[in-house]
N, C-alpha and C. Protein backbone atom coordinates (compact mmCIF):
# COMPACT_ATOMS: atom_id res chain seq x y z
N UNK A 1 33.45 -4.36 -7.19
CA UNK A 1 32.37 -4.36 -6.09
C UNK A 1 32.09 -5.77 -5.79
N UNK A 2 32.01 -5.95 -4.61
CA UNK A 2 31.74 -7.28 -3.90
C UNK A 2 30.27 -7.61 -4.03
N UNK A 3 30.02 -8.84 -4.70
CA UNK A 3 28.71 -9.23 -5.04
C UNK A 3 28.22 -10.38 -4.07
N UNK A 4 27.90 -9.84 -2.88
CA UNK A 4 27.58 -11.06 -1.78
C UNK A 4 26.15 -11.68 -1.92
N UNK A 5 26.02 -12.89 -1.97
CA UNK A 5 24.64 -13.38 -2.13
C UNK A 5 23.98 -13.21 -0.87
N UNK A 6 22.72 -12.95 -1.02
CA UNK A 6 21.70 -12.57 0.05
C UNK A 6 21.39 -13.74 0.69
N UNK A 7 21.37 -13.96 1.96
CA UNK A 7 21.01 -15.01 2.82
C UNK A 7 19.57 -14.98 3.13
N UNK A 8 19.08 -15.95 3.61
CA UNK A 8 17.45 -15.94 4.09
C UNK A 8 17.28 -15.12 5.22
N UNK A 9 18.27 -15.12 6.07
CA UNK A 9 18.06 -14.23 7.49
C UNK A 9 18.61 -12.94 7.42
N UNK A 10 18.92 -12.35 6.20
CA UNK A 10 19.53 -10.85 5.88
C UNK A 10 18.45 -9.89 5.93
N UNK A 11 17.44 -9.88 6.92
CA UNK A 11 16.46 -8.85 6.83
C UNK A 11 16.39 -8.28 8.19
N UNK A 12 15.67 -7.06 8.29
CA UNK A 12 15.40 -6.33 9.52
C UNK A 12 13.93 -6.19 9.54
N UNK A 13 13.21 -6.42 10.66
CA UNK A 13 13.82 -6.89 11.87
C UNK A 13 14.26 -8.43 11.68
N UNK A 14 14.99 -8.85 12.64
CA UNK A 14 15.48 -10.33 12.47
C UNK A 14 14.13 -11.15 12.76
N UNK A 15 13.71 -12.13 11.84
CA UNK A 15 12.48 -12.91 12.18
C UNK A 15 12.64 -13.91 13.25
N UNK A 16 11.72 -14.19 13.77
CA UNK A 16 11.64 -15.11 15.10
C UNK A 16 12.32 -16.56 14.55
N UNK A 17 11.91 -17.10 13.40
CA UNK A 17 12.58 -18.27 12.94
C UNK A 17 13.00 -18.21 11.58
N UNK A 18 14.17 -18.72 11.33
CA UNK A 18 14.79 -18.94 10.02
C UNK A 18 15.23 -20.12 9.74
N UNK A 19 14.84 -20.91 8.64
CA UNK A 19 15.24 -22.15 8.27
C UNK A 19 15.84 -22.10 6.86
N UNK A 20 17.01 -21.86 6.75
CA UNK A 20 17.61 -21.74 5.27
C UNK A 20 17.57 -23.19 4.62
N UNK A 21 17.40 -23.28 3.31
CA UNK A 21 17.50 -24.22 2.62
C UNK A 21 18.25 -24.02 1.20
N UNK A 22 19.58 -24.11 1.16
CA UNK A 22 20.37 -23.65 0.16
C UNK A 22 19.89 -24.39 -1.30
N UNK A 23 19.20 -25.61 -1.10
CA UNK A 23 18.86 -26.19 -2.32
C UNK A 23 17.50 -25.88 -2.89
N UNK A 24 16.84 -24.89 -2.20
CA UNK A 24 15.37 -24.46 -2.41
C UNK A 24 15.32 -23.17 -3.15
N UNK A 25 16.28 -22.50 -3.45
CA UNK A 25 16.18 -21.16 -4.06
C UNK A 25 15.24 -20.99 -5.19
N UNK A 26 14.67 -19.83 -5.24
CA UNK A 26 13.60 -19.56 -6.36
C UNK A 26 13.93 -18.49 -7.15
N UNK A 27 13.97 -18.45 -8.48
CA UNK A 27 14.25 -17.45 -9.32
C UNK A 27 13.00 -16.75 -9.89
N UNK A 28 12.91 -15.30 -9.67
CA UNK A 28 11.77 -14.58 -10.34
C UNK A 28 12.39 -14.32 -11.69
N UNK A 29 11.50 -14.80 -12.66
CA UNK A 29 12.10 -14.39 -13.96
C UNK A 29 10.74 -14.08 -14.86
N UNK A 30 11.08 -13.96 -16.14
CA UNK A 30 9.96 -13.40 -16.98
C UNK A 30 8.66 -14.45 -16.79
N UNK A 31 7.51 -14.18 -16.78
CA UNK A 31 6.48 -15.14 -16.64
C UNK A 31 6.05 -15.35 -15.00
N UNK A 32 6.88 -14.88 -14.24
CA UNK A 32 6.36 -15.11 -12.83
C UNK A 32 5.14 -14.12 -12.49
N UNK A 33 4.37 -14.62 -11.59
CA UNK A 33 3.01 -13.80 -11.25
C UNK A 33 2.99 -14.03 -9.84
N UNK A 34 1.98 -13.22 -9.42
CA UNK A 34 1.62 -13.22 -8.03
C UNK A 34 0.09 -13.76 -7.89
N UNK A 35 -0.14 -14.77 -7.14
CA UNK A 35 -1.56 -15.16 -6.98
C UNK A 35 -1.94 -14.65 -5.55
N UNK A 36 -2.96 -13.88 -5.61
CA UNK A 36 -3.46 -13.27 -4.34
C UNK A 36 -4.84 -13.63 -4.06
N UNK A 37 -5.09 -14.30 -2.84
CA UNK A 37 -6.36 -14.69 -2.42
C UNK A 37 -7.28 -13.48 -2.29
N UNK A 38 -8.71 -13.73 -2.34
CA UNK A 38 -9.65 -12.51 -2.14
C UNK A 38 -9.16 -11.99 -0.69
N UNK A 39 -9.06 -10.64 -0.73
CA UNK A 39 -8.68 -9.97 0.46
C UNK A 39 -7.21 -9.56 0.64
N UNK A 40 -6.47 -10.21 -0.31
CA UNK A 40 -5.00 -10.05 -0.22
C UNK A 40 -4.59 -9.31 -1.62
N UNK A 41 -5.51 -8.94 -2.44
CA UNK A 41 -5.18 -8.46 -3.80
C UNK A 41 -4.55 -7.24 -3.62
N UNK A 42 -4.78 -6.25 -2.76
CA UNK A 42 -4.09 -4.99 -2.60
C UNK A 42 -2.75 -5.04 -2.34
N UNK A 43 -2.28 -6.13 -1.40
CA UNK A 43 -1.06 -6.31 -1.04
C UNK A 43 -0.11 -7.08 -2.34
N UNK A 44 -1.08 -7.88 -2.85
CA UNK A 44 -0.41 -8.42 -4.14
C UNK A 44 -0.13 -7.65 -5.14
N UNK A 45 -0.90 -6.54 -5.21
CA UNK A 45 -0.58 -5.49 -6.32
C UNK A 45 0.74 -4.60 -5.79
N UNK A 46 0.77 -4.42 -4.63
CA UNK A 46 2.06 -3.60 -4.05
C UNK A 46 3.17 -4.48 -4.07
N UNK A 47 3.19 -5.67 -3.77
CA UNK A 47 4.28 -6.59 -4.08
C UNK A 47 4.73 -6.70 -5.43
N UNK A 48 3.80 -6.91 -6.37
CA UNK A 48 4.12 -7.12 -7.74
C UNK A 48 4.68 -5.84 -8.22
N UNK A 49 4.35 -4.52 -7.86
CA UNK A 49 5.08 -3.37 -8.16
C UNK A 49 6.49 -3.23 -7.80
N UNK A 50 6.70 -3.69 -6.55
CA UNK A 50 8.14 -3.74 -6.09
C UNK A 50 8.93 -4.69 -6.85
N UNK A 51 8.25 -5.94 -7.15
CA UNK A 51 8.90 -6.87 -8.06
C UNK A 51 9.15 -6.36 -9.44
N UNK A 52 8.21 -5.60 -9.88
CA UNK A 52 8.49 -5.04 -11.43
C UNK A 52 9.66 -4.16 -11.36
N UNK A 53 9.80 -3.23 -10.26
CA UNK A 53 10.92 -2.27 -10.24
C UNK A 53 12.21 -3.18 -9.98
N UNK A 54 12.21 -4.20 -9.43
CA UNK A 54 13.51 -5.03 -9.12
C UNK A 54 13.88 -5.77 -10.35
N UNK A 55 13.03 -6.20 -11.22
CA UNK A 55 13.16 -7.18 -12.39
C UNK A 55 12.99 -6.60 -13.61
N UNK A 56 12.07 -5.52 -13.71
CA UNK A 56 11.66 -5.10 -15.09
C UNK A 56 10.82 -5.79 -15.72
N UNK A 57 10.32 -6.95 -15.30
CA UNK A 57 9.35 -7.80 -15.77
C UNK A 57 7.85 -7.44 -15.43
N UNK A 58 6.91 -7.63 -16.44
CA UNK A 58 5.64 -7.44 -16.10
C UNK A 58 5.14 -8.48 -15.08
N UNK A 59 4.87 -8.26 -13.75
CA UNK A 59 4.49 -9.33 -12.80
C UNK A 59 2.96 -9.15 -12.67
N UNK A 60 2.08 -10.02 -13.25
CA UNK A 60 0.74 -9.89 -13.24
C UNK A 60 0.36 -10.41 -11.89
N UNK A 61 -0.87 -9.92 -11.28
CA UNK A 61 -1.59 -10.44 -10.22
C UNK A 61 -2.96 -10.92 -10.56
N UNK A 62 -3.12 -12.12 -9.88
CA UNK A 62 -4.34 -12.97 -10.32
C UNK A 62 -4.86 -13.65 -9.05
N UNK A 63 -6.19 -13.95 -9.02
CA UNK A 63 -6.63 -14.75 -7.91
C UNK A 63 -6.52 -16.34 -8.21
N UNK A 64 -6.01 -16.61 -9.35
CA UNK A 64 -6.10 -17.95 -9.68
C UNK A 64 -4.68 -18.51 -10.37
N UNK A 65 -3.81 -17.50 -10.55
CA UNK A 65 -2.50 -18.21 -11.05
C UNK A 65 -1.20 -17.28 -10.57
N UNK A 66 -0.18 -18.05 -10.39
CA UNK A 66 1.02 -17.20 -9.97
C UNK A 66 1.80 -18.10 -9.06
N UNK A 67 3.25 -18.06 -9.21
CA UNK A 67 4.22 -18.83 -8.28
C UNK A 67 4.66 -18.21 -7.13
N UNK A 68 4.16 -16.96 -6.92
CA UNK A 68 4.23 -16.21 -5.55
C UNK A 68 2.93 -16.09 -5.10
N UNK A 69 2.43 -16.72 -3.95
CA UNK A 69 1.09 -16.89 -3.54
C UNK A 69 0.82 -16.33 -2.19
N UNK A 70 -0.12 -15.46 -2.09
CA UNK A 70 -0.50 -14.70 -0.88
C UNK A 70 -1.73 -15.36 -0.27
N UNK A 71 -1.71 -15.84 0.95
CA UNK A 71 -2.98 -16.56 1.49
C UNK A 71 -3.34 -15.94 2.78
N UNK A 72 -4.39 -15.61 2.92
CA UNK A 72 -5.13 -15.34 4.32
C UNK A 72 -5.58 -16.36 4.90
N UNK A 73 -5.07 -16.70 6.10
CA UNK A 73 -5.63 -17.92 6.90
C UNK A 73 -6.55 -17.65 7.96
N UNK A 74 -6.68 -16.25 8.52
CA UNK A 74 -7.56 -16.04 9.73
C UNK A 74 -7.11 -16.71 10.76
N UNK A 75 -6.03 -17.22 11.14
CA UNK A 75 -5.46 -17.86 12.22
C UNK A 75 -4.11 -17.17 12.88
N UNK A 76 -4.17 -16.57 14.08
CA UNK A 76 -2.93 -16.20 14.67
C UNK A 76 -3.03 -14.68 14.68
N UNK A 77 -2.00 -14.09 15.30
CA UNK A 77 -1.89 -12.81 15.40
C UNK A 77 -1.82 -12.03 13.93
N UNK A 78 -2.57 -10.85 13.94
CA UNK A 78 -2.57 -9.99 12.67
C UNK A 78 -1.17 -9.74 11.94
N UNK A 79 -0.20 -9.56 12.70
CA UNK A 79 1.13 -9.29 12.04
C UNK A 79 2.05 -10.47 11.80
N UNK A 80 1.56 -11.48 12.26
CA UNK A 80 2.29 -13.01 12.13
C UNK A 80 2.26 -13.39 10.72
N UNK A 81 3.36 -13.97 10.14
CA UNK A 81 3.32 -14.66 8.86
C UNK A 81 4.15 -15.71 8.72
N UNK A 82 4.10 -16.60 7.87
CA UNK A 82 5.01 -17.69 7.34
C UNK A 82 5.39 -17.42 5.94
N UNK A 83 6.56 -17.37 5.50
CA UNK A 83 7.30 -17.17 4.17
C UNK A 83 7.97 -18.46 3.92
N UNK A 84 7.46 -19.20 2.83
CA UNK A 84 8.27 -20.44 2.41
C UNK A 84 8.66 -20.21 1.06
N UNK A 85 10.06 -20.53 0.70
CA UNK A 85 10.67 -20.25 -0.48
C UNK A 85 11.14 -21.72 -0.95
N UNK A 86 10.64 -22.21 -2.05
CA UNK A 86 11.13 -23.44 -2.59
C UNK A 86 11.38 -23.04 -4.21
N UNK A 87 12.13 -24.30 -4.73
CA UNK A 87 12.29 -23.97 -6.39
C UNK A 87 11.09 -23.66 -7.15
N UNK A 88 9.75 -24.10 -6.73
CA UNK A 88 8.62 -23.84 -7.54
C UNK A 88 8.15 -22.48 -7.24
N UNK A 89 8.38 -21.99 -6.21
CA UNK A 89 7.66 -20.57 -5.83
C UNK A 89 7.89 -20.16 -4.35
N UNK A 90 7.10 -19.16 -4.11
CA UNK A 90 6.95 -18.62 -2.72
C UNK A 90 5.63 -18.58 -2.27
N UNK A 91 5.62 -19.09 -1.10
CA UNK A 91 4.18 -19.19 -0.49
C UNK A 91 4.24 -18.21 0.89
N UNK A 92 3.34 -17.38 1.02
CA UNK A 92 3.09 -16.34 2.13
C UNK A 92 1.88 -16.54 2.62
N UNK A 93 1.71 -17.09 3.92
CA UNK A 93 0.52 -17.19 4.79
C UNK A 93 0.46 -16.21 5.87
N UNK A 94 -0.75 -15.74 6.17
CA UNK A 94 -0.73 -14.79 7.28
C UNK A 94 -2.18 -14.73 7.63
N UNK A 95 -2.45 -14.42 9.03
CA UNK A 95 -3.94 -14.29 9.33
C UNK A 95 -4.54 -13.08 8.80
N UNK A 96 -3.86 -11.87 8.62
CA UNK A 96 -4.43 -10.71 8.31
C UNK A 96 -3.68 -9.99 7.18
N UNK A 97 -4.21 -9.00 6.58
CA UNK A 97 -3.44 -8.32 5.70
C UNK A 97 -2.18 -7.68 6.10
N UNK A 98 -2.13 -7.25 7.30
CA UNK A 98 -0.84 -6.69 8.00
C UNK A 98 0.32 -7.77 8.04
N UNK A 99 -0.06 -9.01 8.30
CA UNK A 99 0.94 -10.00 8.27
C UNK A 99 1.47 -10.12 6.81
N UNK A 100 0.59 -10.18 5.72
CA UNK A 100 0.95 -10.39 4.52
C UNK A 100 1.80 -9.10 4.11
N UNK A 101 1.65 -7.85 4.47
CA UNK A 101 2.41 -6.78 4.29
C UNK A 101 3.80 -7.06 4.78
N UNK A 102 3.87 -7.36 6.08
CA UNK A 102 5.12 -7.72 6.66
C UNK A 102 5.88 -8.55 5.95
N UNK A 103 5.36 -9.71 5.66
CA UNK A 103 5.98 -10.67 4.69
C UNK A 103 6.50 -10.23 3.31
N UNK A 104 5.68 -9.42 2.76
CA UNK A 104 6.06 -8.83 1.50
C UNK A 104 7.22 -7.91 1.73
N UNK A 105 7.34 -7.19 2.80
CA UNK A 105 8.49 -6.52 3.03
C UNK A 105 9.68 -7.22 3.31
N UNK A 106 9.55 -8.38 3.95
CA UNK A 106 10.73 -9.30 4.13
C UNK A 106 11.23 -9.94 2.67
N UNK A 107 10.05 -10.33 1.92
CA UNK A 107 10.55 -10.76 0.58
C UNK A 107 11.35 -9.95 -0.26
N UNK A 108 10.80 -8.70 -0.02
CA UNK A 108 11.58 -7.46 -0.91
C UNK A 108 12.97 -7.26 -0.49
N UNK A 109 13.20 -7.53 0.75
CA UNK A 109 14.54 -7.40 1.36
C UNK A 109 15.47 -8.49 0.88
N UNK A 110 15.13 -9.71 0.59
CA UNK A 110 15.72 -10.66 0.16
C UNK A 110 16.07 -10.61 -1.42
N UNK A 111 15.57 -9.53 -2.10
CA UNK A 111 15.90 -9.55 -3.58
C UNK A 111 17.22 -8.82 -3.58
N UNK A 112 18.21 -9.22 -4.51
CA UNK A 112 19.54 -8.65 -4.43
C UNK A 112 19.33 -7.23 -5.36
N UNK A 113 19.94 -6.22 -4.85
CA UNK A 113 19.74 -5.03 -5.41
C UNK A 113 20.74 -4.59 -6.57
N UNK A 114 20.64 -5.42 -7.60
CA UNK A 114 21.60 -5.33 -8.64
C UNK A 114 20.93 -4.94 -9.93
N UNK A 115 19.87 -4.57 -9.98
CA UNK A 115 19.21 -3.99 -11.40
C UNK A 115 18.09 -5.02 -11.92
N UNK A 116 18.07 -4.83 -13.22
CA UNK A 116 16.93 -5.53 -14.02
C UNK A 116 17.28 -6.92 -14.26
N UNK A 117 16.30 -7.72 -14.44
CA UNK A 117 16.46 -9.20 -14.82
C UNK A 117 16.19 -10.15 -13.84
N UNK A 118 16.57 -11.52 -14.26
CA UNK A 118 16.15 -12.55 -13.17
C UNK A 118 16.85 -12.31 -11.86
N UNK A 119 16.07 -12.64 -10.63
CA UNK A 119 16.64 -12.39 -9.33
C UNK A 119 16.26 -13.60 -8.68
N UNK A 120 17.22 -14.13 -7.83
CA UNK A 120 17.00 -15.32 -7.16
C UNK A 120 16.88 -15.09 -5.48
N UNK A 121 15.80 -15.77 -5.15
CA UNK A 121 15.63 -15.45 -3.60
C UNK A 121 16.00 -16.69 -2.98
N UNK A 122 16.81 -16.52 -1.95
CA UNK A 122 17.44 -17.73 -1.09
C UNK A 122 16.15 -18.66 -0.57
N UNK A 123 16.38 -20.11 -0.56
CA UNK A 123 15.34 -20.95 -0.31
C UNK A 123 15.21 -21.11 1.12
N UNK A 124 14.27 -21.55 1.71
CA UNK A 124 13.86 -22.10 3.15
C UNK A 124 12.62 -21.25 3.50
N UNK A 125 12.40 -21.37 4.83
CA UNK A 125 11.34 -20.89 5.51
C UNK A 125 11.59 -19.86 6.52
N UNK A 126 10.68 -18.91 6.61
CA UNK A 126 10.90 -17.86 7.69
C UNK A 126 9.48 -17.87 8.38
N UNK A 127 9.45 -17.75 9.76
CA UNK A 127 8.25 -17.53 10.49
C UNK A 127 8.65 -16.47 11.43
N UNK A 128 7.61 -15.50 11.25
CA UNK A 128 7.73 -14.12 12.10
C UNK A 128 6.47 -13.81 12.75
N UNK A 129 6.51 -13.17 13.87
CA UNK A 129 5.46 -12.58 14.50
C UNK A 129 5.95 -11.49 15.57
N UNK A 130 5.08 -10.73 15.92
CA UNK A 130 5.55 -9.59 16.86
C UNK A 130 5.86 -10.38 18.35
N UNK A 131 7.15 -9.82 18.63
CA UNK A 131 7.51 -10.52 20.03
C UNK A 131 7.23 -9.67 21.28
N UNK A 132 6.67 -8.56 21.00
CA UNK A 132 6.33 -7.52 21.98
C UNK A 132 4.79 -7.00 21.82
N UNK A 133 4.15 -6.71 22.84
CA UNK A 133 2.86 -6.34 22.71
C UNK A 133 2.70 -4.92 22.18
N UNK A 134 3.65 -4.07 22.17
CA UNK A 134 3.57 -2.67 21.84
C UNK A 134 4.92 -2.26 21.03
N UNK A 135 4.79 -1.25 20.31
CA UNK A 135 6.01 -0.52 19.74
C UNK A 135 6.63 0.65 20.58
N UNK A 136 7.91 0.59 20.52
CA UNK A 136 8.55 1.57 21.45
C UNK A 136 8.39 2.98 20.62
N UNK A 137 8.71 3.92 21.69
CA UNK A 137 8.53 5.38 21.37
C UNK A 137 9.88 5.98 21.93
N UNK A 138 10.47 6.92 21.04
CA UNK A 138 11.62 7.63 21.78
C UNK A 138 11.05 9.01 22.01
N UNK A 139 11.47 9.57 23.16
CA UNK A 139 11.23 11.07 23.53
C UNK A 139 12.60 11.57 23.36
N UNK A 140 12.40 12.82 22.62
CA UNK A 140 13.51 13.67 22.30
C UNK A 140 13.47 14.74 23.32
N UNK A 141 14.28 14.46 24.50
CA UNK A 141 14.28 15.25 25.68
C UNK A 141 15.31 16.29 25.45
N UNK A 142 16.24 16.25 24.49
CA UNK A 142 17.18 17.32 24.27
C UNK A 142 16.68 18.42 23.76
N UNK A 143 15.50 18.41 22.82
CA UNK A 143 15.12 19.44 22.13
C UNK A 143 13.71 19.93 22.76
N UNK A 144 13.08 19.02 23.48
CA UNK A 144 11.65 19.37 23.85
C UNK A 144 11.74 19.11 25.43
N UNK A 145 10.76 19.79 26.22
CA UNK A 145 10.48 19.62 27.47
C UNK A 145 9.24 18.95 27.66
N UNK A 146 9.34 17.70 28.51
CA UNK A 146 7.98 16.80 28.63
C UNK A 146 7.67 16.97 30.11
N UNK A 147 6.58 17.17 30.51
CA UNK A 147 6.20 17.13 32.14
C UNK A 147 6.06 15.62 32.37
N UNK A 148 6.02 15.17 33.61
CA UNK A 148 5.78 13.85 33.80
C UNK A 148 4.40 13.38 33.36
N UNK A 149 3.40 14.25 33.47
CA UNK A 149 2.07 14.01 32.98
C UNK A 149 1.88 13.61 31.56
N UNK A 150 2.76 14.35 30.75
CA UNK A 150 2.86 14.22 29.10
C UNK A 150 3.46 12.88 28.96
N UNK A 151 4.60 12.45 29.73
CA UNK A 151 5.08 11.46 29.44
C UNK A 151 4.39 10.08 29.73
N UNK A 152 3.52 10.04 30.85
CA UNK A 152 2.70 8.97 31.13
C UNK A 152 1.72 8.86 30.06
């Protein structure tokens, strides 16, 4: 089986800005924790659960300690976020919990799916935000009939 290294931009949807730094990889290992600011604890617990599944390590969540940091800035669109990875940890900043959740989803996609133990996250910075004011909807016209008024 081919064991390809995950690159920083290997996520869906493609982030608005990706700045890889191969010298800044961070390794999640035994003792790694999540530090979640007040208002971000629920997302921190969810992220820690995903990381526990990926590593098998107990990933504690705290408001005071941890090398994976979730911070609410209160500035910018709700779903926008910045994710910075360097050798000392991961910093996630967002205006609202929705942005932290999107960043957590991005972070989880960067974890190699190879099982338990230490996992290395590629270093660099990601900045992302919604590029459209709405989400698209698909109408299934093959199995359902919609009147023009219903579509509007």
